[in-house]
């Protein structure tokens, strides 16, 4: 963090109404270019608020403008760290996680085709979960060689009973990673 700075010069203790200055409701723009864009209401009578609906006031009505303060980012850089920017990686890392290739049709009514790839041999678990994370049905579990595989889920649980319409998750877990996709069952 950088030391505090009064970027709008609003230090005004013991001032008269309409000459006091204090920022309210400060927000910062999500996207930044070479400036940090700050927006605020400039309260000219800080600490006082209108009372309603009785009509009495605890202060005077003032015209409080909206401020836009554009602070150059170079002004807020911590001097103890050199400004280097973002360095690009010298090589790209290619993920080797299992990738769910497809689940079709989705949404589905009677059955859905599940297709996935396993990058290297090992133990896997392919299962259907409800939205709370409970296992509804285990599609496949155990050792699997590398390759592309498929299965059909007919919308039933482990007991063979039809599950209700709703959202389910097809989750594939290998020894190194997990991958999932959402399935929509519509009856």
N, C-alpha and C. Protein backbone atom coordinates (compact mmCIF):
# COMPACT_ATOMS: atom_id res chain seq x y z
N UNK A 1 0.84 -1.18 0.00
CA UNK A 1 0.00 0.00 0.00
C UNK A 1 0.87 1.24 0.00
N UNK A 2 0.34 2.26 -0.56
CA UNK A 2 1.04 3.53 -0.65
C UNK A 2 0.61 4.40 0.53
N UNK A 3 1.48 5.29 1.04
CA UNK A 3 1.05 6.20 2.11
C UNK A 3 -0.14 7.04 1.67
N UNK A 4 -1.00 7.44 2.64
CA UNK A 4 -2.18 8.24 2.32
C UNK A 4 -1.80 9.57 1.70
N UNK A 5 -2.61 10.02 0.77
CA UNK A 5 -2.44 11.34 0.16
C UNK A 5 -3.81 11.97 0.01
N UNK A 6 -3.90 13.27 0.26
CA UNK A 6 -5.14 14.00 0.07
C UNK A 6 -5.17 14.46 -1.39
N UNK A 7 -5.78 13.67 -2.24
CA UNK A 7 -5.72 13.96 -3.67
C UNK A 7 -6.71 15.02 -4.11
N UNK A 8 -7.70 15.36 -3.26
CA UNK A 8 -8.67 16.39 -3.65
C UNK A 8 -8.57 17.65 -2.79
N UNK A 9 -7.62 17.69 -1.86
CA UNK A 9 -7.37 18.86 -1.03
C UNK A 9 -8.63 19.34 -0.32
N UNK A 10 -9.27 18.44 0.41
CA UNK A 10 -10.53 18.78 1.07
C UNK A 10 -10.41 18.84 2.59
N UNK A 11 -9.25 19.10 3.10
CA UNK A 11 -9.08 19.22 4.55
C UNK A 11 -9.59 20.59 4.98
N UNK A 12 -10.76 20.61 5.63
CA UNK A 12 -11.35 21.91 5.99
C UNK A 12 -12.02 21.86 7.36
N UNK A 13 -11.24 21.69 8.44
CA UNK A 13 -11.84 21.64 9.77
C UNK A 13 -12.36 23.01 10.20
N UNK A 14 -13.42 23.01 11.02
CA UNK A 14 -13.99 24.23 11.60
C UNK A 14 -14.39 25.25 10.54
N UNK A 15 -14.92 24.82 9.44
CA UNK A 15 -15.26 25.74 8.36
C UNK A 15 -16.74 26.10 8.40
N UNK A 16 -17.11 27.14 7.67
CA UNK A 16 -18.49 27.59 7.58
C UNK A 16 -19.26 26.70 6.60
N UNK A 17 -20.60 26.68 6.75
CA UNK A 17 -21.45 25.93 5.85
C UNK A 17 -21.20 26.38 4.42
N UNK A 18 -21.20 25.47 3.51
CA UNK A 18 -20.99 25.66 2.07
C UNK A 18 -19.54 25.93 1.72
N UNK A 19 -18.66 25.93 2.71
CA UNK A 19 -17.24 26.02 2.38
C UNK A 19 -16.47 24.83 2.95
N UNK A 20 -17.18 23.97 3.70
CA UNK A 20 -16.59 22.71 4.15
C UNK A 20 -16.55 21.76 2.96
N UNK A 21 -15.58 20.91 2.95
CA UNK A 21 -15.47 19.96 1.84
C UNK A 21 -15.13 18.58 2.37
N UNK A 22 -15.94 17.60 2.00
CA UNK A 22 -15.71 16.23 2.43
C UNK A 22 -16.31 15.30 1.37
N UNK A 23 -15.56 14.26 0.98
CA UNK A 23 -16.07 13.34 -0.03
C UNK A 23 -16.97 12.29 0.62
N UNK A 24 -18.06 11.97 -0.07
CA UNK A 24 -18.98 10.91 0.34
C UNK A 24 -19.13 9.92 -0.79
N UNK A 25 -19.51 8.70 -0.46
CA UNK A 25 -19.85 7.68 -1.46
C UNK A 25 -18.78 7.57 -2.54
N UNK A 26 -17.56 7.37 -2.13
CA UNK A 26 -16.44 7.30 -3.07
C UNK A 26 -16.47 5.95 -3.79
N UNK A 27 -16.26 6.01 -5.10
CA UNK A 27 -16.17 4.78 -5.89
C UNK A 27 -15.07 4.94 -6.92
N UNK A 28 -14.60 3.82 -7.41
CA UNK A 28 -13.50 3.81 -8.38
C UNK A 28 -13.98 3.07 -9.62
N UNK A 29 -13.62 3.60 -10.79
CA UNK A 29 -13.99 2.94 -12.05
C UNK A 29 -13.34 1.57 -12.12
N UNK A 30 -14.05 0.60 -12.68
CA UNK A 30 -13.52 -0.77 -12.78
C UNK A 30 -12.34 -0.86 -13.73
N UNK A 31 -12.39 -0.13 -14.82
CA UNK A 31 -11.30 -0.18 -15.80
C UNK A 31 -10.40 1.01 -15.60
N UNK A 32 -9.11 0.77 -15.68
CA UNK A 32 -8.12 1.81 -15.43
C UNK A 32 -7.23 1.93 -16.66
N UNK A 33 -6.99 3.18 -17.08
CA UNK A 33 -6.02 3.39 -18.14
C UNK A 33 -4.75 3.88 -17.45
N UNK A 34 -4.20 5.02 -17.80
CA UNK A 34 -3.04 5.56 -17.10
C UNK A 34 -3.45 6.40 -15.90
N UNK A 35 -4.75 6.39 -15.60
CA UNK A 35 -5.28 7.15 -14.48
C UNK A 35 -6.19 6.25 -13.64
N UNK A 36 -6.25 6.56 -12.35
CA UNK A 36 -7.20 5.93 -11.46
C UNK A 36 -8.38 6.89 -11.41
N UNK A 37 -9.55 6.50 -11.92
CA UNK A 37 -10.71 7.38 -12.00
C UNK A 37 -11.56 7.20 -10.74
N UNK A 38 -11.64 8.26 -9.94
CA UNK A 38 -12.36 8.23 -8.67
C UNK A 38 -13.56 9.16 -8.78
N UNK A 39 -14.71 8.68 -8.30
CA UNK A 39 -15.93 9.49 -8.31
C UNK A 39 -16.42 9.60 -6.87
N UNK A 40 -16.93 10.79 -6.51
CA UNK A 40 -17.43 11.01 -5.15
C UNK A 40 -18.40 12.17 -5.13
N UNK A 41 -19.24 12.22 -4.10
CA UNK A 41 -20.09 13.38 -3.85
C UNK A 41 -19.29 14.31 -2.95
N UNK A 42 -19.20 15.59 -3.31
CA UNK A 42 -18.48 16.56 -2.50
C UNK A 42 -19.47 17.18 -1.52
N UNK A 43 -19.45 16.71 -0.28
CA UNK A 43 -20.37 17.19 0.76
C UNK A 43 -19.87 18.52 1.29
N UNK A 44 -20.67 19.58 1.10
CA UNK A 44 -20.26 20.92 1.54
C UNK A 44 -20.70 21.23 2.96
N UNK A 45 -21.43 20.35 3.59
CA UNK A 45 -21.85 20.56 4.97
C UNK A 45 -21.73 19.22 5.70
N UNK A 46 -20.49 18.69 5.86
CA UNK A 46 -20.30 17.36 6.42
C UNK A 46 -20.77 17.25 7.86
N UNK A 47 -21.30 16.08 8.18
CA UNK A 47 -21.77 15.82 9.53
C UNK A 47 -23.19 16.26 9.76
N UNK A 48 -23.83 16.91 8.80
CA UNK A 48 -25.20 17.39 8.94
C UNK A 48 -26.07 16.67 7.91
N UNK A 49 -27.26 16.32 8.32
CA UNK A 49 -28.18 15.62 7.43
C UNK A 49 -29.55 16.25 7.54
N UNK A 50 -30.32 16.23 6.46
CA UNK A 50 -31.69 16.74 6.50
C UNK A 50 -32.56 15.78 7.27
N UNK A 51 -33.50 16.33 8.05
CA UNK A 51 -34.45 15.49 8.76
C UNK A 51 -35.76 15.48 7.99
N UNK A 52 -36.36 14.34 7.88
CA UNK A 52 -37.64 14.25 7.18
C UNK A 52 -38.49 13.25 7.94
N UNK A 53 -39.79 13.31 7.89
CA UNK A 53 -40.65 14.22 7.14
C UNK A 53 -41.11 15.43 7.96
N UNK A 54 -40.56 15.66 9.15
CA UNK A 54 -41.04 16.74 10.01
C UNK A 54 -40.74 18.11 9.44
N UNK A 55 -39.80 18.22 8.53
CA UNK A 55 -39.48 19.50 7.92
C UNK A 55 -38.32 20.20 8.59
N UNK A 56 -37.98 19.83 9.82
CA UNK A 56 -36.84 20.46 10.49
C UNK A 56 -35.54 19.97 9.88
N UNK A 57 -34.49 20.72 10.05
CA UNK A 57 -33.21 20.30 9.49
C UNK A 57 -32.14 20.30 10.57
N UNK A 58 -31.11 19.59 10.30
CA UNK A 58 -29.94 19.59 11.16
C UNK A 58 -28.78 20.08 10.31
N UNK A 59 -28.96 21.17 9.65
CA UNK A 59 -27.98 21.70 8.73
C UNK A 59 -28.68 22.41 7.60
N UNK A 60 -27.92 23.04 6.77
CA UNK A 60 -28.49 23.77 5.65
C UNK A 60 -28.39 22.94 4.38
N UNK A 61 -29.32 23.20 3.45
CA UNK A 61 -29.28 22.50 2.18
C UNK A 61 -28.16 23.09 1.34
N UNK A 62 -27.33 22.22 0.81
CA UNK A 62 -26.22 22.69 -0.03
C UNK A 62 -26.26 21.93 -1.35
N UNK A 63 -25.75 22.56 -2.39
CA UNK A 63 -25.64 21.91 -3.70
C UNK A 63 -24.33 21.13 -3.70
N UNK A 64 -24.44 19.82 -3.56
CA UNK A 64 -23.25 18.98 -3.47
C UNK A 64 -22.92 18.39 -4.84
N UNK A 65 -21.85 18.85 -5.46
CA UNK A 65 -21.51 18.36 -6.80
C UNK A 65 -20.90 16.96 -6.76
N UNK A 66 -20.90 16.32 -7.92
CA UNK A 66 -20.24 15.03 -8.10
C UNK A 66 -18.83 15.32 -8.61
N UNK A 67 -17.84 14.73 -7.96
CA UNK A 67 -16.45 14.93 -8.37
C UNK A 67 -15.97 13.78 -9.24
N UNK A 68 -15.16 14.10 -10.20
CA UNK A 68 -14.40 13.09 -10.95
C UNK A 68 -12.94 13.48 -10.78
N UNK A 69 -12.20 12.62 -10.12
CA UNK A 69 -10.78 12.90 -9.89
C UNK A 69 -10.00 11.84 -10.66
N UNK A 70 -9.16 12.29 -11.58
CA UNK A 70 -8.32 11.38 -12.35
C UNK A 70 -6.90 11.50 -11.82
N UNK A 71 -6.47 10.48 -11.10
CA UNK A 71 -5.15 10.49 -10.50
C UNK A 71 -4.20 9.70 -11.39
N UNK A 72 -3.13 10.32 -11.88
CA UNK A 72 -2.18 9.55 -12.69
C UNK A 72 -1.63 8.39 -11.87
N UNK A 73 -1.61 7.22 -12.45
CA UNK A 73 -1.17 6.04 -11.70
C UNK A 73 0.28 6.17 -11.27
N UNK A 74 1.06 6.95 -11.96
CA UNK A 74 2.46 7.15 -11.58
C UNK A 74 2.56 7.82 -10.20
N UNK A 75 1.52 8.59 -9.81
CA UNK A 75 1.53 9.28 -8.51
C UNK A 75 1.29 8.34 -7.34
N UNK A 76 0.71 7.19 -7.60
CA UNK A 76 0.38 6.30 -6.49
C UNK A 76 1.22 5.03 -6.48
N UNK A 77 2.22 4.98 -7.32
CA UNK A 77 3.12 3.83 -7.33
C UNK A 77 4.03 3.91 -6.11
N UNK A 78 4.19 2.82 -5.41
CA UNK A 78 5.06 2.79 -4.26
C UNK A 78 6.51 2.88 -4.75
N UNK A 79 7.22 3.89 -4.31
CA UNK A 79 8.57 4.14 -4.79
C UNK A 79 9.57 3.05 -4.38
N UNK A 80 9.22 2.22 -3.41
CA UNK A 80 10.16 1.20 -2.98
C UNK A 80 10.20 0.01 -3.94
N UNK A 81 9.24 -0.04 -4.88
CA UNK A 81 9.23 -1.11 -5.88
C UNK A 81 9.42 -0.48 -7.25
N UNK A 82 10.32 -1.01 -8.05
CA UNK A 82 10.49 -0.45 -9.40
C UNK A 82 9.26 -0.72 -10.25
N UNK A 83 8.94 0.23 -11.12
CA UNK A 83 7.80 0.06 -12.02
C UNK A 83 8.26 -0.73 -13.23
N UNK A 84 7.84 -2.00 -13.29
CA UNK A 84 8.29 -2.87 -14.36
C UNK A 84 7.17 -3.31 -15.28
N UNK A 85 5.94 -3.19 -14.84
CA UNK A 85 4.84 -3.67 -15.67
C UNK A 85 4.69 -5.18 -15.54
N UNK A 86 3.94 -5.74 -16.44
CA UNK A 86 3.67 -7.18 -16.42
C UNK A 86 4.63 -7.87 -17.37
N UNK A 87 5.29 -8.89 -16.87
CA UNK A 87 6.21 -9.65 -17.72
C UNK A 87 5.48 -10.85 -18.30
N UNK A 88 5.70 -11.11 -19.57
CA UNK A 88 5.10 -12.26 -20.21
C UNK A 88 5.88 -13.52 -19.86
N UNK A 89 5.15 -14.61 -19.74
CA UNK A 89 5.80 -15.89 -19.48
C UNK A 89 6.60 -16.30 -20.71
N UNK A 90 7.73 -16.93 -20.47
CA UNK A 90 8.59 -17.35 -21.58
C UNK A 90 8.01 -18.55 -22.32
N UNK A 91 7.25 -19.38 -21.61
CA UNK A 91 6.63 -20.52 -22.28
C UNK A 91 5.22 -20.69 -21.75
N UNK A 92 4.39 -21.24 -22.57
CA UNK A 92 3.01 -21.45 -22.18
C UNK A 92 2.86 -22.83 -21.55
N UNK A 93 2.14 -22.90 -20.45
CA UNK A 93 1.88 -24.18 -19.80
C UNK A 93 0.59 -24.75 -20.38
N UNK A 94 0.66 -25.93 -20.90
CA UNK A 94 -0.51 -26.57 -21.49
C UNK A 94 -1.15 -27.43 -20.41
N UNK A 95 -2.41 -27.18 -20.09
CA UNK A 95 -3.05 -27.96 -19.03
C UNK A 95 -3.24 -29.42 -19.44
N UNK A 96 -3.08 -30.31 -18.46
CA UNK A 96 -3.29 -31.73 -18.73
C UNK A 96 -4.46 -32.25 -17.91
N UNK A 97 -5.36 -31.36 -17.54
CA UNK A 97 -6.51 -31.76 -16.76
C UNK A 97 -7.54 -32.45 -17.65
N UNK A 98 -8.35 -33.34 -17.07
CA UNK A 98 -9.37 -33.97 -17.87
C UNK A 98 -10.36 -32.92 -18.35
N UNK A 99 -10.78 -33.04 -19.58
CA UNK A 99 -11.70 -32.05 -20.13
C UNK A 99 -12.97 -32.76 -20.53
N UNK A 100 -14.06 -32.28 -19.99
CA UNK A 100 -15.35 -32.79 -20.40
C UNK A 100 -15.60 -32.30 -21.80
N UNK A 101 -15.72 -33.18 -22.75
CA UNK A 101 -15.85 -32.78 -24.14
C UNK A 101 -17.28 -32.39 -24.45
N UNK A 102 -18.25 -33.18 -23.99
CA UNK A 102 -19.62 -32.88 -24.36
C UNK A 102 -20.60 -33.59 -23.46
N UNK A 103 -21.77 -33.02 -23.37
CA UNK A 103 -22.92 -33.65 -22.73
C UNK A 103 -24.09 -33.23 -23.61
N UNK A 104 -24.67 -34.18 -24.32
CA UNK A 104 -25.73 -33.82 -25.26
C UNK A 104 -26.82 -34.88 -25.27
N UNK A 105 -28.07 -34.53 -25.54
CA UNK A 105 -28.55 -33.15 -25.62
C UNK A 105 -28.59 -32.54 -24.22
N UNK A 106 -28.49 -31.26 -24.13
CA UNK A 106 -28.51 -30.57 -22.84
C UNK A 106 -29.17 -29.22 -23.04
N UNK A 107 -30.35 -28.99 -22.51
CA UNK A 107 -31.14 -29.81 -21.59
C UNK A 107 -31.60 -31.13 -22.24
N UNK A 108 -31.93 -32.10 -21.37
CA UNK A 108 -32.36 -33.40 -21.87
C UNK A 108 -33.62 -33.83 -21.16
N UNK A 109 -34.30 -34.84 -21.75
CA UNK A 109 -35.54 -35.33 -21.17
C UNK A 109 -35.37 -36.77 -20.70
N UNK A 110 -35.12 -37.68 -21.60
CA UNK A 110 -35.05 -39.10 -21.22
C UNK A 110 -33.64 -39.54 -20.86
N UNK A 111 -32.66 -39.10 -21.64
CA UNK A 111 -31.27 -39.54 -21.41
C UNK A 111 -30.31 -38.51 -21.98
N UNK A 112 -29.10 -38.49 -21.43
CA UNK A 112 -28.06 -37.57 -21.90
C UNK A 112 -26.79 -38.38 -22.16
N UNK A 113 -26.12 -38.07 -23.26
CA UNK A 113 -24.85 -38.70 -23.61
C UNK A 113 -23.72 -37.92 -22.96
N UNK A 114 -22.87 -38.60 -22.22
CA UNK A 114 -21.74 -37.98 -21.54
C UNK A 114 -20.46 -38.45 -22.23
N UNK A 115 -19.63 -37.51 -22.66
CA UNK A 115 -18.39 -37.84 -23.35
C UNK A 115 -17.26 -37.07 -22.67
N UNK A 116 -16.16 -37.75 -22.33
CA UNK A 116 -15.04 -37.07 -21.68
C UNK A 116 -13.72 -37.67 -22.13
N UNK A 117 -12.66 -36.91 -21.90
CA UNK A 117 -11.30 -37.36 -22.22
C UNK A 117 -10.50 -37.50 -20.94
N UNK A 118 -9.67 -38.53 -20.89
CA UNK A 118 -8.74 -38.72 -19.78
C UNK A 118 -7.34 -38.66 -20.39
N UNK A 119 -6.49 -37.69 -19.97
CA UNK A 119 -5.19 -37.50 -20.61
C UNK A 119 -4.17 -38.59 -20.33
N UNK A 120 -4.25 -39.24 -19.16
CA UNK A 120 -3.31 -40.33 -18.87
C UNK A 120 -3.99 -41.38 -17.99
N UNK A 121 -3.51 -42.60 -18.10
CA UNK A 121 -4.11 -43.72 -17.38
C UNK A 121 -4.06 -43.48 -15.87
N UNK A 122 -5.08 -43.98 -15.18
CA UNK A 122 -5.15 -43.85 -13.73
C UNK A 122 -6.56 -44.07 -13.24
N UNK A 123 -6.76 -43.94 -11.94
CA UNK A 123 -8.08 -44.11 -11.36
C UNK A 123 -8.94 -42.89 -11.65
N UNK A 124 -10.19 -43.14 -12.00
CA UNK A 124 -11.14 -42.06 -12.26
C UNK A 124 -12.44 -42.33 -11.54
N UNK A 125 -13.25 -41.28 -11.43
CA UNK A 125 -14.60 -41.42 -10.93
C UNK A 125 -15.46 -40.47 -11.75
N UNK A 126 -16.47 -41.01 -12.43
CA UNK A 126 -17.43 -40.21 -13.19
C UNK A 126 -18.76 -40.36 -12.48
N UNK A 127 -19.33 -39.24 -12.03
CA UNK A 127 -20.56 -39.34 -11.25
C UNK A 127 -21.49 -38.17 -11.52
N UNK A 128 -22.76 -38.38 -11.22
CA UNK A 128 -23.78 -37.34 -11.32
C UNK A 128 -24.08 -36.88 -9.90
N UNK A 129 -24.05 -35.55 -9.70
CA UNK A 129 -24.33 -34.96 -8.39
C UNK A 129 -25.57 -34.09 -8.48
N UNK A 130 -26.30 -33.95 -7.36
CA UNK A 130 -27.37 -32.96 -7.35
C UNK A 130 -26.76 -31.60 -7.02
N UNK A 131 -27.57 -30.55 -6.97
CA UNK A 131 -27.00 -29.21 -6.79
C UNK A 131 -26.42 -28.99 -5.40
N UNK A 132 -26.73 -29.87 -4.45
CA UNK A 132 -26.12 -29.73 -3.12
C UNK A 132 -24.83 -30.53 -3.02
N UNK A 133 -24.44 -31.24 -4.09
CA UNK A 133 -23.18 -31.97 -4.09
C UNK A 133 -23.29 -33.43 -3.72
N UNK A 134 -24.50 -33.91 -3.45
CA UNK A 134 -24.69 -35.33 -3.11
C UNK A 134 -24.64 -36.18 -4.38
N UNK A 135 -24.03 -37.35 -4.26
CA UNK A 135 -23.94 -38.26 -5.41
C UNK A 135 -25.33 -38.84 -5.69
N UNK A 136 -25.79 -38.66 -6.92
CA UNK A 136 -27.07 -39.22 -7.36
C UNK A 136 -26.82 -40.58 -8.01
N UNK A 137 -25.78 -40.62 -8.87
CA UNK A 137 -25.46 -41.88 -9.55
C UNK A 137 -23.99 -41.89 -9.92
N UNK A 138 -23.35 -43.03 -9.70
CA UNK A 138 -21.97 -43.22 -10.14
C UNK A 138 -22.02 -43.82 -11.54
N UNK A 139 -21.41 -43.13 -12.49
CA UNK A 139 -21.40 -43.58 -13.88
C UNK A 139 -20.27 -44.58 -14.11
N UNK A 140 -19.09 -44.25 -13.62
CA UNK A 140 -17.94 -45.14 -13.78
C UNK A 140 -16.94 -44.82 -12.67
N UNK A 141 -16.33 -45.87 -12.13
CA UNK A 141 -15.29 -45.67 -11.12
C UNK A 141 -14.24 -46.76 -11.28
N UNK A 142 -12.98 -46.42 -10.97
CA UNK A 142 -11.91 -47.40 -11.07
C UNK A 142 -10.84 -46.96 -12.05
N UNK A 143 -10.02 -47.93 -12.45
CA UNK A 143 -8.90 -47.66 -13.34
C UNK A 143 -9.39 -47.40 -14.76
N UNK A 144 -8.77 -46.42 -15.41
CA UNK A 144 -9.11 -46.11 -16.80
C UNK A 144 -7.83 -45.83 -17.57
N UNK A 145 -7.77 -46.32 -18.79
CA UNK A 145 -6.64 -45.95 -19.64
C UNK A 145 -6.90 -44.56 -20.21
N UNK A 146 -5.88 -43.95 -20.78
CA UNK A 146 -6.03 -42.64 -21.40
C UNK A 146 -6.89 -42.78 -22.65
N UNK A 147 -7.66 -41.74 -22.95
CA UNK A 147 -8.48 -41.75 -24.15
C UNK A 147 -9.80 -41.05 -23.96
N UNK A 148 -10.69 -41.23 -24.95
CA UNK A 148 -12.01 -40.62 -24.90
C UNK A 148 -13.03 -41.70 -24.57
N UNK A 149 -13.96 -41.37 -23.68
CA UNK A 149 -14.93 -42.34 -23.21
C UNK A 149 -16.32 -41.73 -23.24
N UNK A 150 -17.33 -42.61 -23.20
CA UNK A 150 -18.71 -42.11 -23.19
C UNK A 150 -19.58 -43.01 -22.34
N UNK A 151 -20.70 -42.45 -21.93
CA UNK A 151 -21.70 -43.19 -21.17
C UNK A 151 -23.02 -42.47 -21.36
N UNK A 152 -24.10 -43.15 -21.04
CA UNK A 152 -25.43 -42.55 -21.12
C UNK A 152 -26.02 -42.55 -19.72
N UNK A 153 -26.56 -41.39 -19.30
CA UNK A 153 -27.29 -41.33 -18.03
C UNK A 153 -28.76 -41.19 -18.36
N UNK A 154 -29.56 -42.09 -17.80
CA UNK A 154 -30.99 -42.12 -18.10
C UNK A 154 -31.85 -41.35 -17.11
N UNK A 155 -31.24 -40.52 -16.27
CA UNK A 155 -32.01 -39.70 -15.33
C UNK A 155 -32.50 -40.47 -14.12
N UNK A 156 -31.79 -41.55 -13.76
CA UNK A 156 -32.17 -42.32 -12.57
C UNK A 156 -31.06 -42.25 -11.53
N UNK A 157 -31.44 -42.55 -10.27
CA UNK A 157 -30.46 -42.56 -9.19
C UNK A 157 -29.87 -43.97 -9.04
N UNK A 158 -29.08 -44.18 -7.98
CA UNK A 158 -28.43 -45.48 -7.75
C UNK A 158 -29.45 -46.61 -7.57
N UNK A 159 -30.64 -46.27 -7.05
CA UNK A 159 -31.69 -47.27 -6.84
C UNK A 159 -32.51 -47.53 -8.10
N UNK A 160 -32.20 -46.81 -9.19
CA UNK A 160 -32.93 -47.01 -10.43
C UNK A 160 -34.21 -46.19 -10.53
N UNK A 161 -34.45 -45.31 -9.57
CA UNK A 161 -35.65 -44.48 -9.60
C UNK A 161 -35.37 -43.17 -10.33
N UNK A 162 -36.38 -42.69 -11.05
CA UNK A 162 -36.24 -41.44 -11.80
C UNK A 162 -36.04 -40.27 -10.84
N UNK A 163 -35.11 -39.40 -11.18
CA UNK A 163 -34.87 -38.20 -10.37
C UNK A 163 -35.75 -37.07 -10.90
N UNK A 164 -36.06 -36.07 -10.07
CA UNK A 164 -36.92 -34.98 -10.54
C UNK A 164 -36.20 -34.05 -11.52
N UNK A 165 -36.98 -33.26 -12.24
CA UNK A 165 -36.42 -32.24 -13.13
C UNK A 165 -35.55 -31.30 -12.32
N UNK A 166 -34.53 -30.75 -12.97
CA UNK A 166 -33.66 -29.81 -12.28
C UNK A 166 -32.25 -29.83 -12.84
N UNK A 167 -31.36 -29.17 -12.14
CA UNK A 167 -29.96 -29.08 -12.54
C UNK A 167 -29.15 -30.15 -11.81
N UNK A 168 -28.26 -30.79 -12.55
CA UNK A 168 -27.37 -31.79 -12.01
C UNK A 168 -25.96 -31.50 -12.52
N UNK A 169 -24.96 -32.07 -11.88
CA UNK A 169 -23.58 -31.86 -12.28
C UNK A 169 -22.97 -33.20 -12.66
N UNK A 170 -22.35 -33.24 -13.85
CA UNK A 170 -21.56 -34.40 -14.24
C UNK A 170 -20.13 -34.07 -13.87
N UNK A 171 -19.56 -34.85 -12.95
CA UNK A 171 -18.23 -34.56 -12.42
C UNK A 171 -17.29 -35.72 -12.73
N UNK A 172 -16.15 -35.38 -13.32
CA UNK A 172 -15.11 -36.36 -13.62
C UNK A 172 -13.91 -36.04 -12.74
N UNK A 173 -13.47 -37.02 -11.95
CA UNK A 173 -12.31 -36.84 -11.08
C UNK A 173 -11.25 -37.85 -11.48
N UNK A 174 -10.02 -37.36 -11.69
CA UNK A 174 -8.88 -38.25 -11.95
C UNK A 174 -7.90 -38.07 -10.80
N UNK A 175 -6.76 -38.75 -10.88
CA UNK A 175 -5.76 -38.63 -9.82
C UNK A 175 -5.15 -37.24 -9.76
N UNK A 176 -5.23 -36.48 -10.86
CA UNK A 176 -4.58 -35.17 -10.90
C UNK A 176 -5.53 -33.99 -10.98
N UNK A 177 -6.79 -34.19 -11.35
CA UNK A 177 -7.66 -33.03 -11.55
C UNK A 177 -9.13 -33.44 -11.51
N UNK A 178 -9.97 -32.40 -11.53
CA UNK A 178 -11.42 -32.58 -11.57
C UNK A 178 -12.00 -31.67 -12.64
N UNK A 179 -13.02 -32.15 -13.34
CA UNK A 179 -13.69 -31.35 -14.36
C UNK A 179 -15.19 -31.64 -14.25
N UNK A 180 -16.01 -30.62 -14.53
CA UNK A 180 -17.45 -30.84 -14.41
C UNK A 180 -18.22 -29.98 -15.39
N UNK A 181 -19.48 -30.35 -15.59
CA UNK A 181 -20.39 -29.57 -16.40
C UNK A 181 -21.80 -29.71 -15.82
N UNK A 182 -22.63 -28.71 -16.05
CA UNK A 182 -24.00 -28.72 -15.53
C UNK A 182 -24.92 -29.36 -16.56
N UNK A 183 -25.81 -30.22 -16.08
CA UNK A 183 -26.82 -30.88 -16.91
C UNK A 183 -28.19 -30.38 -16.48
N UNK A 184 -29.09 -30.18 -17.43
CA UNK A 184 -30.46 -29.75 -17.12
C UNK A 184 -31.42 -30.85 -17.54
N UNK A 185 -32.10 -31.43 -16.55
CA UNK A 185 -33.10 -32.46 -16.80
C UNK A 185 -34.47 -31.80 -16.81
N UNK A 186 -35.18 -31.93 -17.93
CA UNK A 186 -36.51 -31.33 -18.09
C UNK A 186 -37.49 -32.45 -18.42
N UNK A 187 -38.52 -32.61 -17.59
CA UNK A 187 -39.51 -33.68 -17.85
C UNK A 187 -40.81 -33.08 -18.32
